[in-house]
């Protein structure tokens, strides 16, 4: 059996920065809160909780003067205002690439653009980003949303349109939706495309697609609620039908001795330990027979 681990598998730079800083903050403060999961990985979050981090869903859950970490996905601008009013000290660990999109959204809104965000509507990152886009904005999650959004553009007073993306959205799907929008939006509109998908996401998706074409089986490791991990699974499954999505080694339930080549990729919030545990399990060969 040959096991091939993707070079881009595991923590991206933004997640690594957030986790390392959170650990340092907890060493200094012992007790802190985090508004939502810092990253979408149960193992990472559990480790932080053991060190004194408490996950909350809103600032209503904490008293004034508390110390609250902002997760890597970012938050809506209204939450910053609320924290300031209540004298809550924020430790902002939002990924720099997400913060850049917030700044772009504010600028485009100020310049009179209708902002189209290609993204998953209820993802934490998107809920934060859309708060900076103003009233003349809309989210396209799938091709089914396109016509409604185009109608909204036509009914607005804007004559300029800009298209952006969630950092972890599928590159192929983004490009396909952009091409459809170009055909449907009137020529008298200024039409600008700013592909804000993270370059680490792009690299990981391309590597997954290539690796899936070279192996008999793919194992994608990452949180089930992780957007970027789910994308890797979808991309892999298009090429390699024997693709498994697991959060950790305990979820491996097939007889992997049936495969000569196994590829492994992991989401941006997956720690190296999780990858190493899967590799070790495969090398030992103690597989669960179905």
C-alpha atoms as a PDB file:
ATOM      1  CA  UNK A   1       0.000   0.000   0.000  1.00  0.00           C
ATOM      2  CA  UNK A   2       1.224   3.473  -0.926  1.00  0.00           C
ATOM      3  CA  UNK A   3       0.020   6.431   1.156  1.00  0.00           C
ATOM      4  CA  UNK A   4       0.282   9.921  -0.342  1.00  0.00           C
ATOM      5  CA  UNK A   5      -0.347  12.913   1.909  1.00  0.00           C
ATOM      6  CA  UNK A   6      -1.068  16.208   0.164  1.00  0.00           C
ATOM      7  CA  UNK A   7       1.619  18.846   0.671  1.00  0.00           C
ATOM      8  CA  UNK A   8      -0.999  21.496   1.500  1.00  0.00           C
ATOM      9  CA  UNK A   9      -2.936  19.307   3.969  1.00  0.00           C
ATOM     10  CA  UNK A  10      -3.575  20.743   7.437  1.00  0.00           C
ATOM     11  CA  UNK A  11      -3.451  24.156   9.064  1.00  0.00           C
ATOM     12  CA  UNK A  12      -3.392  27.174   6.773  1.00  0.00           C
ATOM     13  CA  UNK A  13      -1.428  30.250   7.871  1.00  0.00           C
ATOM     14  CA  UNK A  14      -4.499  32.068   9.176  1.00  0.00           C
ATOM     15  CA  UNK A  15      -5.640  29.164  11.352  1.00  0.00           C
ATOM     16  CA  UNK A  16      -2.129  28.513  12.674  1.00  0.00           C
ATOM     17  CA  UNK A  17      -1.817  32.166  13.661  1.00  0.00           C
ATOM     18  CA  UNK A  18      -5.218  32.148  15.398  1.00  0.00           C
ATOM     19  CA  UNK A  19      -4.586  28.939  17.339  1.00  0.00           C
ATOM     20  CA  UNK A  20      -1.077  29.922  18.462  1.00  0.00           C
ATOM     21  CA  UNK A  21      -2.204  33.346  19.630  1.00  0.00           C
ATOM     22  CA  UNK A  22      -5.228  31.914  21.422  1.00  0.00           C
ATOM     23  CA  UNK A  23      -2.963  29.513  23.306  1.00  0.00           C
ATOM     24  CA  UNK A  24      -0.712  32.396  24.323  1.00  0.00           C
ATOM     25  CA  UNK A  25      -3.662  34.518  25.460  1.00  0.00           C
ATOM     26  CA  UNK A  26      -4.941  31.624  27.576  1.00  0.00           C
ATOM     27  CA  UNK A  27      -1.534  31.159  29.183  1.00  0.00           C
ATOM     28  CA  UNK A  28      -1.618  34.830  30.182  1.00  0.00           C
ATOM     29  CA  UNK A  29      -5.291  35.087  31.199  1.00  0.00           C
ATOM     30  CA  UNK A  30      -6.430  31.561  32.160  1.00  0.00           C
ATOM     31  CA  UNK A  31     -10.132  32.355  31.604  1.00  0.00           C
ATOM     32  CA  UNK A  32     -11.401  33.775  28.307  1.00  0.00           C
ATOM     33  CA  UNK A  33     -14.426  33.543  26.032  1.00  0.00           C
ATOM     34  CA  UNK A  34     -14.608  32.956  22.283  1.00  0.00           C
ATOM     35  CA  UNK A  35     -17.526  34.112  20.153  1.00  0.00           C
ATOM     36  CA  UNK A  36     -18.234  30.864  18.324  1.00  0.00           C
ATOM     37  CA  UNK A  37     -15.677  28.123  17.682  1.00  0.00           C
ATOM     38  CA  UNK A  38     -12.224  29.592  17.032  1.00  0.00           C
ATOM     39  CA  UNK A  39     -11.864  27.186  14.088  1.00  0.00           C
ATOM     40  CA  UNK A  40     -14.051  24.383  12.750  1.00  0.00           C
ATOM     41  CA  UNK A  41     -12.277  21.456  14.364  1.00  0.00           C
ATOM     42  CA  UNK A  42     -13.482  19.626  17.485  1.00  0.00           C
ATOM     43  CA  UNK A  43     -10.012  18.458  18.510  1.00  0.00           C
ATOM     44  CA  UNK A  44      -8.561  21.960  18.393  1.00  0.00           C
ATOM     45  CA  UNK A  45     -11.545  23.511  20.182  1.00  0.00           C
ATOM     46  CA  UNK A  46     -11.513  20.813  22.883  1.00  0.00           C
ATOM     47  CA  UNK A  47      -7.846  21.492  23.578  1.00  0.00           C
ATOM     48  CA  UNK A  48      -8.520  25.216  23.945  1.00  0.00           C
ATOM     49  CA  UNK A  49     -11.467  24.573  26.260  1.00  0.00           C
ATOM     50  CA  UNK A  50      -9.251  22.487  28.535  1.00  0.00           C
ATOM     51  CA  UNK A  51      -6.977  25.509  28.847  1.00  0.00           C
ATOM     52  CA  UNK A  52      -9.812  27.790  29.962  1.00  0.00           C
ATOM     53  CA  UNK A  53     -11.600  28.945  26.809  1.00  0.00           C
ATOM     54  CA  UNK A  54     -15.403  29.048  26.929  1.00  0.00           C
ATOM     55  CA  UNK A  55     -17.335  29.071  23.654  1.00  0.00           C
ATOM     56  CA  UNK A  56     -20.285  31.490  23.586  1.00  0.00           C
ATOM     57  CA  UNK A  57     -22.818  32.287  20.881  1.00  0.00           C
ATOM     58  CA  UNK A  58     -23.371  35.960  21.725  1.00  0.00           C
ATOM     59  CA  UNK A  59     -21.945  38.718  23.916  1.00  0.00           C
ATOM     60  CA  UNK A  60     -25.136  38.507  26.007  1.00  0.00           C
ATOM     61  CA  UNK A  61     -23.568  35.464  27.656  1.00  0.00           C
ATOM     62  CA  UNK A  62     -20.679  37.390  29.226  1.00  0.00           C
ATOM     63  CA  UNK A  63     -20.515  40.187  31.822  1.00  0.00           C
ATOM     64  CA  UNK A  64     -18.991  43.575  31.113  1.00  0.00           C
ATOM     65  CA  UNK A  65     -15.190  43.875  31.246  1.00  0.00           C
ATOM     66  CA  UNK A  66     -14.834  40.279  29.987  1.00  0.00           C
ATOM     67  CA  UNK A  67     -12.070  39.197  27.624  1.00  0.00           C
ATOM     68  CA  UNK A  68     -13.445  37.775  24.385  1.00  0.00           C
ATOM     69  CA  UNK A  69     -11.571  36.250  21.451  1.00  0.00           C
ATOM     70  CA  UNK A  70     -12.913  36.860  17.954  1.00  0.00           C
ATOM     71  CA  UNK A  71     -12.653  33.659  15.940  1.00  0.00           C
ATOM     72  CA  UNK A  72     -10.731  33.276  12.693  1.00  0.00           C
ATOM     73  CA  UNK A  73     -13.939  33.644  10.623  1.00  0.00           C
ATOM     74  CA  UNK A  74     -14.562  37.200  11.879  1.00  0.00           C
ATOM     75  CA  UNK A  75     -17.726  38.865  13.157  1.00  0.00           C
ATOM     76  CA  UNK A  76     -20.318  41.400  12.042  1.00  0.00           C
ATOM     77  CA  UNK A  77     -19.458  45.067  12.556  1.00  0.00           C
ATOM     78  CA  UNK A  78     -22.383  45.484  14.985  1.00  0.00           C
ATOM     79  CA  UNK A  79     -20.654  43.158  17.450  1.00  0.00           C
ATOM     80  CA  UNK A  80     -17.615  45.442  17.614  1.00  0.00           C
ATOM     81  CA  UNK A  81     -19.960  48.313  18.502  1.00  0.00           C
ATOM     82  CA  UNK A  82     -21.711  46.254  21.176  1.00  0.00           C
ATOM     83  CA  UNK A  83     -18.392  45.227  22.757  1.00  0.00           C
ATOM     84  CA  UNK A  84     -17.257  48.846  22.906  1.00  0.00           C
ATOM     85  CA  UNK A  85     -20.472  49.935  24.646  1.00  0.00           C
ATOM     86  CA  UNK A  86     -20.177  47.182  27.259  1.00  0.00           C
ATOM     87  CA  UNK A  87     -16.444  47.673  27.830  1.00  0.00           C
ATOM     88  CA  UNK A  88     -15.684  44.138  26.650  1.00  0.00           C
ATOM     89  CA  UNK A  89     -12.054  43.637  25.689  1.00  0.00           C
ATOM     90  CA  UNK A  90     -11.766  41.974  22.272  1.00  0.00           C
ATOM     91  CA  UNK A  91      -8.800  39.907  21.117  1.00  0.00           C
ATOM     92  CA  UNK A  92      -9.243  39.917  17.356  1.00  0.00           C
ATOM     93  CA  UNK A  93      -7.959  36.718  15.731  1.00  0.00           C
ATOM     94  CA  UNK A  94      -9.880  37.178  12.482  1.00  0.00           C
ATOM     95  CA  UNK A  95      -7.879  35.839   9.539  1.00  0.00           C
ATOM     96  CA  UNK A  96      -6.116  38.788   7.835  1.00  0.00           C
ATOM     97  CA  UNK A  97      -7.544  37.705   4.485  1.00  0.00           C
ATOM     98  CA  UNK A  98     -11.075  37.924   5.882  1.00  0.00           C
ATOM     99  CA  UNK A  99     -10.339  41.362   7.340  1.00  0.00           C
ATOM    100  CA  UNK A 100      -9.138  42.453   3.902  1.00  0.00           C
ATOM    101  CA  UNK A 101     -12.517  41.456   2.413  1.00  0.00           C
ATOM    102  CA  UNK A 102     -14.275  43.530   5.094  1.00  0.00           C
ATOM    103  CA  UNK A 103     -12.215  46.555   4.078  1.00  0.00           C
ATOM    104  CA  UNK A 104     -12.923  45.949   0.393  1.00  0.00           C
ATOM    105  CA  UNK A 105     -16.652  45.645   1.084  1.00  0.00           C
ATOM    106  CA  UNK A 106     -16.690  48.953   2.976  1.00  0.00           C
ATOM    107  CA  UNK A 107     -14.811  50.664   0.143  1.00  0.00           C
ATOM    108  CA  UNK A 108     -17.003  49.256  -2.646  1.00  0.00           C
ATOM    109  CA  UNK A 109     -20.135  50.221  -0.713  1.00  0.00           C
ATOM    110  CA  UNK A 110     -18.799  53.757  -0.273  1.00  0.00           C
ATOM    111  CA  UNK A 111     -18.073  53.977  -4.022  1.00  0.00           C
ATOM    112  CA  UNK A 112     -21.649  53.007  -4.942  1.00  0.00           C
ATOM    113  CA  UNK A 113     -21.163  49.424  -6.095  1.00  0.00           C
ATOM    114  CA  UNK A 114     -23.821  46.754  -5.793  1.00  0.00           C
ATOM    115  CA  UNK A 115     -21.908  43.991  -4.029  1.00  0.00           C
ATOM    116  CA  UNK A 116     -22.541  40.356  -4.964  1.00  0.00           C
ATOM    117  CA  UNK A 117     -20.971  37.904  -2.545  1.00  0.00           C
ATOM    118  CA  UNK A 118     -20.641  34.335  -3.811  1.00  0.00           C
ATOM    119  CA  UNK A 119     -20.713  32.344  -0.608  1.00  0.00           C
ATOM    120  CA  UNK A 120     -22.566  30.031   1.763  1.00  0.00           C
ATOM    121  CA  UNK A 121     -25.286  32.165   3.297  1.00  0.00           C
ATOM    122  CA  UNK A 122     -25.121  30.978   6.898  1.00  0.00           C
ATOM    123  CA  UNK A 123     -21.357  30.494   7.203  1.00  0.00           C
ATOM    124  CA  UNK A 124     -19.870  32.557  10.086  1.00  0.00           C
ATOM    125  CA  UNK A 125     -17.394  34.300   7.783  1.00  0.00           C
ATOM    126  CA  UNK A 126     -20.171  35.355   5.426  1.00  0.00           C
ATOM    127  CA  UNK A 127     -22.408  36.670   8.206  1.00  0.00           C
ATOM    128  CA  UNK A 128     -19.551  38.961   9.152  1.00  0.00           C
ATOM    129  CA  UNK A 129     -18.659  40.052   5.623  1.00  0.00           C
ATOM    130  CA  UNK A 130     -22.188  40.871   4.497  1.00  0.00           C
ATOM    131  CA  UNK A 131     -22.542  43.309   7.399  1.00  0.00           C
ATOM    132  CA  UNK A 132     -19.974  45.549   5.686  1.00  0.00           C
ATOM    133  CA  UNK A 133     -21.649  45.451   2.272  1.00  0.00           C
ATOM    134  CA  UNK A 134     -24.573  47.815   2.859  1.00  0.00           C
ATOM    135  CA  UNK A 135     -28.147  47.519   1.591  1.00  0.00           C
ATOM    136  CA  UNK A 136     -27.163  47.205  -2.060  1.00  0.00           C
ATOM    137  CA  UNK A 137     -25.788  43.706  -1.740  1.00  0.00           C
ATOM    138  CA  UNK A 138     -26.800  40.054  -2.093  1.00  0.00           C
ATOM    139  CA  UNK A 139     -25.423  36.557  -1.612  1.00  0.00           C
ATOM    140  CA  UNK A 140     -25.320  33.880  -4.297  1.00  0.00           C
ATOM    141  CA  UNK A 141     -24.805  30.418  -2.858  1.00  0.00           C
ATOM    142  CA  UNK A 142     -25.770  28.349  -5.907  1.00  0.00           C
ATOM    143  CA  UNK A 143     -26.777  28.961  -9.508  1.00  0.00           C
ATOM    144  CA  UNK A 144     -30.427  28.866  -8.384  1.00  0.00           C
ATOM    145  CA  UNK A 145     -29.905  32.239  -6.664  1.00  0.00           C
ATOM    146  CA  UNK A 146     -28.614  34.059  -9.719  1.00  0.00           C
ATOM    147  CA  UNK A 147     -31.844  35.293 -11.299  1.00  0.00           C
ATOM    148  CA  UNK A 148     -33.176  36.737  -8.039  1.00  0.00           C
ATOM    149  CA  UNK A 149     -29.914  38.566  -7.419  1.00  0.00           C
ATOM    150  CA  UNK A 150     -29.818  39.951 -10.964  1.00  0.00           C
ATOM    151  CA  UNK A 151     -33.360  41.286 -10.454  1.00  0.00           C
ATOM    152  CA  UNK A 152     -32.223  42.942  -7.247  1.00  0.00           C
ATOM    153  CA  UNK A 153     -29.348  44.580  -9.119  1.00  0.00           C
ATOM    154  CA  UNK A 154     -31.726  45.862 -11.807  1.00  0.00           C
ATOM    155  CA  UNK A 155     -34.096  47.287  -9.199  1.00  0.00           C
ATOM    156  CA  UNK A 156     -31.346  49.132  -7.352  1.00  0.00           C
ATOM    157  CA  UNK A 157     -30.047  52.608  -8.174  1.00  0.00           C
ATOM    158  CA  UNK A 158     -26.498  51.265  -8.634  1.00  0.00           C
ATOM    159  CA  UNK A 159     -24.778  51.333 -12.011  1.00  0.00           C
ATOM    160  CA  UNK A 160     -21.691  49.479 -10.843  1.00  0.00           C
ATOM    161  CA  UNK A 161     -21.487  45.826  -9.749  1.00  0.00           C
ATOM    162  CA  UNK A 162     -18.645  44.031  -7.994  1.00  0.00           C
ATOM    163  CA  UNK A 163     -18.465  40.296  -7.359  1.00  0.00           C
ATOM    164  CA  UNK A 164     -16.497  38.889  -4.420  1.00  0.00           C
ATOM    165  CA  UNK A 165     -16.290  35.496  -2.707  1.00  0.00           C
ATOM    166  CA  UNK A 166     -16.087  33.745   0.627  1.00  0.00           C
ATOM    167  CA  UNK A 167     -12.424  32.848   1.192  1.00  0.00           C
ATOM    168  CA  UNK A 168     -13.125  29.103   1.164  1.00  0.00           C
ATOM    169  CA  UNK A 169     -15.631  28.919  -1.705  1.00  0.00           C
ATOM    170  CA  UNK A 170     -15.064  26.491  -4.583  1.00  0.00           C
ATOM    171  CA  UNK A 171     -12.895  28.134  -7.250  1.00  0.00           C
ATOM    172  CA  UNK A 172     -14.556  26.232 -10.104  1.00  0.00           C
ATOM    173  CA  UNK A 173     -18.070  27.098  -8.900  1.00  0.00           C
ATOM    174  CA  UNK A 174     -17.102  30.740  -8.402  1.00  0.00           C
ATOM    175  CA  UNK A 175     -15.810  31.013 -11.967  1.00  0.00           C
ATOM    176  CA  UNK A 176     -18.929  29.321 -13.354  1.00  0.00           C
ATOM    177  CA  UNK A 177     -21.290  31.684 -11.508  1.00  0.00           C
ATOM    178  CA  UNK A 178     -19.257  34.720 -12.615  1.00  0.00           C
ATOM    179  CA  UNK A 179     -19.580  33.671 -16.270  1.00  0.00           C
ATOM    180  CA  UNK A 180     -23.360  33.366 -15.910  1.00  0.00           C
ATOM    181  CA  UNK A 181     -23.558  36.779 -14.233  1.00  0.00           C
ATOM    182  CA  UNK A 182     -21.599  38.345 -17.094  1.00  0.00           C
ATOM    183  CA  UNK A 183     -24.249  37.085 -19.515  1.00  0.00           C
ATOM    184  CA  UNK A 184     -27.227  38.180 -17.416  1.00  0.00           C
ATOM    185  CA  UNK A 185     -26.198  41.617 -16.137  1.00  0.00           C
ATOM    186  CA  UNK A 186     -26.842  44.423 -18.614  1.00  0.00           C
ATOM    187  CA  UNK A 187     -23.956  45.860 -20.591  1.00  0.00           C
ATOM    188  CA  UNK A 188     -24.574  49.378 -19.287  1.00  0.00           C
ATOM    189  CA  UNK A 189     -23.391  48.302 -15.830  1.00  0.00           C
ATOM    190  CA  UNK A 190     -19.764  48.553 -14.839  1.00  0.00           C
ATOM    191  CA  UNK A 191     -18.916  44.946 -13.917  1.00  0.00           C
ATOM    192  CA  UNK A 192     -15.942  44.179 -11.675  1.00  0.00           C
ATOM    193  CA  UNK A 193     -14.786  40.765 -10.447  1.00  0.00           C
ATOM    194  CA  UNK A 194     -12.561  40.527  -7.376  1.00  0.00           C
ATOM    195  CA  UNK A 195     -11.782  36.877  -6.668  1.00  0.00           C
ATOM    196  CA  UNK A 196     -11.241  36.967  -2.895  1.00  0.00           C
ATOM    197  CA  UNK A 197     -10.907  33.204  -2.497  1.00  0.00           C
ATOM    198  CA  UNK A 198      -7.838  32.549  -0.365  1.00  0.00           C
ATOM    199  CA  UNK A 199      -4.810  31.397  -2.372  1.00  0.00           C
ATOM    200  CA  UNK A 200      -4.274  28.607   0.179  1.00  0.00           C
ATOM    201  CA  UNK A 201      -7.813  27.408  -0.581  1.00  0.00           C
ATOM    202  CA  UNK A 202      -7.114  27.470  -4.313  1.00  0.00           C
ATOM    203  CA  UNK A 203      -3.860  25.526  -3.919  1.00  0.00           C
ATOM    204  CA  UNK A 204      -5.483  22.927  -1.649  1.00  0.00           C
ATOM    205  CA  UNK A 205      -8.436  22.398  -4.017  1.00  0.00           C
ATOM    206  CA  UNK A 206      -6.181  21.983  -7.057  1.00  0.00           C
ATOM    207  CA  UNK A 207      -3.928  19.539  -5.235  1.00  0.00           C
ATOM    208  CA  UNK A 208      -6.939  17.528  -4.058  1.00  0.00           C
ATOM    209  CA  UNK A 209      -8.251  17.247  -7.607  1.00  0.00           C
ATOM    210  CA  UNK A 210      -4.879  16.080  -8.917  1.00  0.00           C
ATOM    211  CA  UNK A 211      -4.256  13.634  -6.074  1.00  0.00           C
ATOM    212  CA  UNK A 212      -7.721  12.108  -6.450  1.00  0.00           C
ATOM    213  CA  UNK A 213      -6.879  11.223 -10.053  1.00  0.00           C
ATOM    214  CA  UNK A 214      -3.769   9.290  -8.995  1.00  0.00           C
ATOM    215  CA  UNK A 215      -5.141   7.024  -6.239  1.00  0.00           C
ATOM    216  CA  UNK A 216      -7.722   4.293  -5.631  1.00  0.00           C
ATOM    217  CA  UNK A 217      -9.080   5.879  -2.463  1.00  0.00           C
ATOM    218  CA  UNK A 218      -9.091   9.332  -0.870  1.00  0.00           C
ATOM    219  CA  UNK A 219      -9.439  10.213   2.817  1.00  0.00           C
ATOM    220  CA  UNK A 220     -10.379  13.817   3.598  1.00  0.00           C
ATOM    221  CA  UNK A 221      -9.764  14.758   7.235  1.00  0.00           C
ATOM    222  CA  UNK A 222     -11.539  17.676   8.861  1.00  0.00           C
ATOM    223  CA  UNK A 223     -14.516  19.005  10.759  1.00  0.00           C
ATOM    224  CA  UNK A 224     -17.939  18.086   9.391  1.00  0.00           C
ATOM    225  CA  UNK A 225     -18.972  21.753   9.811  1.00  0.00           C
ATOM    226  CA  UNK A 226     -15.887  23.023   7.989  1.00  0.00           C
ATOM    227  CA  UNK A 227     -16.748  24.664   4.676  1.00  0.00           C
ATOM    228  CA  UNK A 228     -13.296  24.226   3.138  1.00  0.00           C
ATOM    229  CA  UNK A 229     -13.111  20.551   4.196  1.00  0.00           C
ATOM    230  CA  UNK A 230     -16.503  19.800   2.631  1.00  0.00           C
ATOM    231  CA  UNK A 231     -15.300  21.410  -0.612  1.00  0.00           C
ATOM    232  CA  UNK A 232     -12.273  19.099  -0.655  1.00  0.00           C
ATOM    233  CA  UNK A 233     -14.573  16.105  -0.229  1.00  0.00           C
ATOM    234  CA  UNK A 234     -16.828  17.242  -3.096  1.00  0.00           C
ATOM    235  CA  UNK A 235     -13.854  17.901  -5.385  1.00  0.00           C
ATOM    236  CA  UNK A 236     -12.263  14.546  -4.587  1.00  0.00           C
ATOM    237  CA  UNK A 237     -15.486  12.563  -5.001  1.00  0.00           C
ATOM    238  CA  UNK A 238     -15.966  13.924  -8.526  1.00  0.00           C
ATOM    239  CA  UNK A 239     -12.787  12.092  -9.566  1.00  0.00           C
ATOM    240  CA  UNK A 240     -12.369   9.336  -6.981  1.00  0.00           C
ATOM    241  CA  UNK A 241     -15.657   7.689  -6.005  1.00  0.00           C
ATOM    242  CA  UNK A 242     -14.040   5.980  -3.012  1.00  0.00           C
ATOM    243  CA  UNK A 243     -13.672   9.184  -1.012  1.00  0.00           C
ATOM    244  CA  UNK A 244     -14.173   9.256   2.745  1.00  0.00           C
ATOM    245  CA  UNK A 245     -14.735  12.307   4.965  1.00  0.00           C
ATOM    246  CA  UNK A 246     -13.685  11.784   8.594  1.00  0.00           C
ATOM    247  CA  UNK A 247     -13.020  14.056  11.540  1.00  0.00           C
ATOM    248  CA  UNK A 248     -10.481  11.672  13.067  1.00  0.00           C
ATOM    249  CA  UNK A 249      -8.998   8.193  12.847  1.00  0.00           C
ATOM    250  CA  UNK A 250     -11.831   6.677  14.911  1.00  0.00           C
ATOM    251  CA  UNK A 251     -14.253   7.198  12.013  1.00  0.00           C
ATOM    252  CA  UNK A 252     -12.315   4.989   9.575  1.00  0.00           C
ATOM    253  CA  UNK A 253     -14.528   1.912   9.099  1.00  0.00           C
ATOM    254  CA  UNK A 254     -13.589   0.392   5.735  1.00  0.00           C
ATOM    255  CA  UNK A 255     -11.121  -2.348   4.806  1.00  0.00           C
ATOM    256  CA  UNK A 256      -8.376  -0.154   3.372  1.00  0.00           C
ATOM    257  CA  UNK A 257      -6.217  -3.152   2.467  1.00  0.00           C
ATOM    258  CA  UNK A 258      -8.318  -3.288  -0.709  1.00  0.00           C
ATOM    259  CA  UNK A 259      -6.554  -0.187  -2.065  1.00  0.00           C
ATOM    260  CA  UNK A 260      -3.056   0.005  -3.547  1.00  0.00           C
ATOM    261  CA  UNK A 261      -2.810   3.809  -3.418  1.00  0.00           C
ATOM    262  CA  UNK A 262      -4.490   6.000  -0.809  1.00  0.00           C
ATOM    263  CA  UNK A 263      -4.456   9.780  -0.927  1.00  0.00           C
ATOM    264  CA  UNK A 264      -4.907  11.962   2.144  1.00  0.00           C
ATOM    265  CA  UNK A 265      -5.946  15.606   2.262  1.00  0.00           C
ATOM    266  CA  UNK A 266      -7.044  17.688   5.222  1.00  0.00           C
ATOM    267  CA  UNK A 267      -8.939  20.917   5.748  1.00  0.00           C
ATOM    268  CA  UNK A 268      -7.377  24.201   6.807  1.00  0.00           C
ATOM    269  CA  UNK A 269      -8.420  23.696  10.444  1.00  0.00           C
ATOM    270  CA  UNK A 270      -7.132  20.121  10.777  1.00  0.00           C
ATOM    271  CA  UNK A 271      -4.141  19.708  13.129  1.00  0.00           C
ATOM    272  CA  UNK A 272      -1.119  17.649  12.064  1.00  0.00           C
ATOM    273  CA  UNK A 273      -1.823  15.148  14.856  1.00  0.00           C
ATOM    274  CA  UNK A 274      -5.071  14.115  13.163  1.00  0.00           C
ATOM    275  CA  UNK A 275      -3.261  13.512   9.867  1.00  0.00           C
ATOM    276  CA  UNK A 276      -0.457  11.583  11.543  1.00  0.00           C
ATOM    277  CA  UNK A 277      -2.932   9.361  13.408  1.00  0.00           C
ATOM    278  CA  UNK A 278      -4.658   8.385  10.145  1.00  0.00           C
ATOM    279  CA  UNK A 279      -1.337   7.660   8.423  1.00  0.00           C
ATOM    280  CA  UNK A 280      -0.183   5.537  11.374  1.00  0.00           C
ATOM    281  CA  UNK A 281      -3.461   3.608  11.370  1.00  0.00           C
ATOM    282  CA  UNK A 282      -3.154   2.822   7.658  1.00  0.00           C
ATOM    283  CA  UNK A 283       0.457   1.714   8.002  1.00  0.00           C
ATOM    284  CA  UNK A 284      -0.401  -0.680  10.843  1.00  0.00           C
ATOM    285  CA  UNK A 285      -3.037  -2.360   8.674  1.00  0.00           C
ATOM    286  CA  UNK A 286      -5.511  -3.221  11.433  1.00  0.00           C
ATOM    287  CA  UNK A 287      -8.575  -2.456   9.366  1.00  0.00           C
ATOM    288  CA  UNK A 288     -12.212  -2.894  10.263  1.00  0.00           C
ATOM    289  CA  UNK A 289     -13.754  -5.406   7.879  1.00  0.00           C
ATOM    290  CA  UNK A 290     -17.244  -4.691   6.601  1.00  0.00           C
END
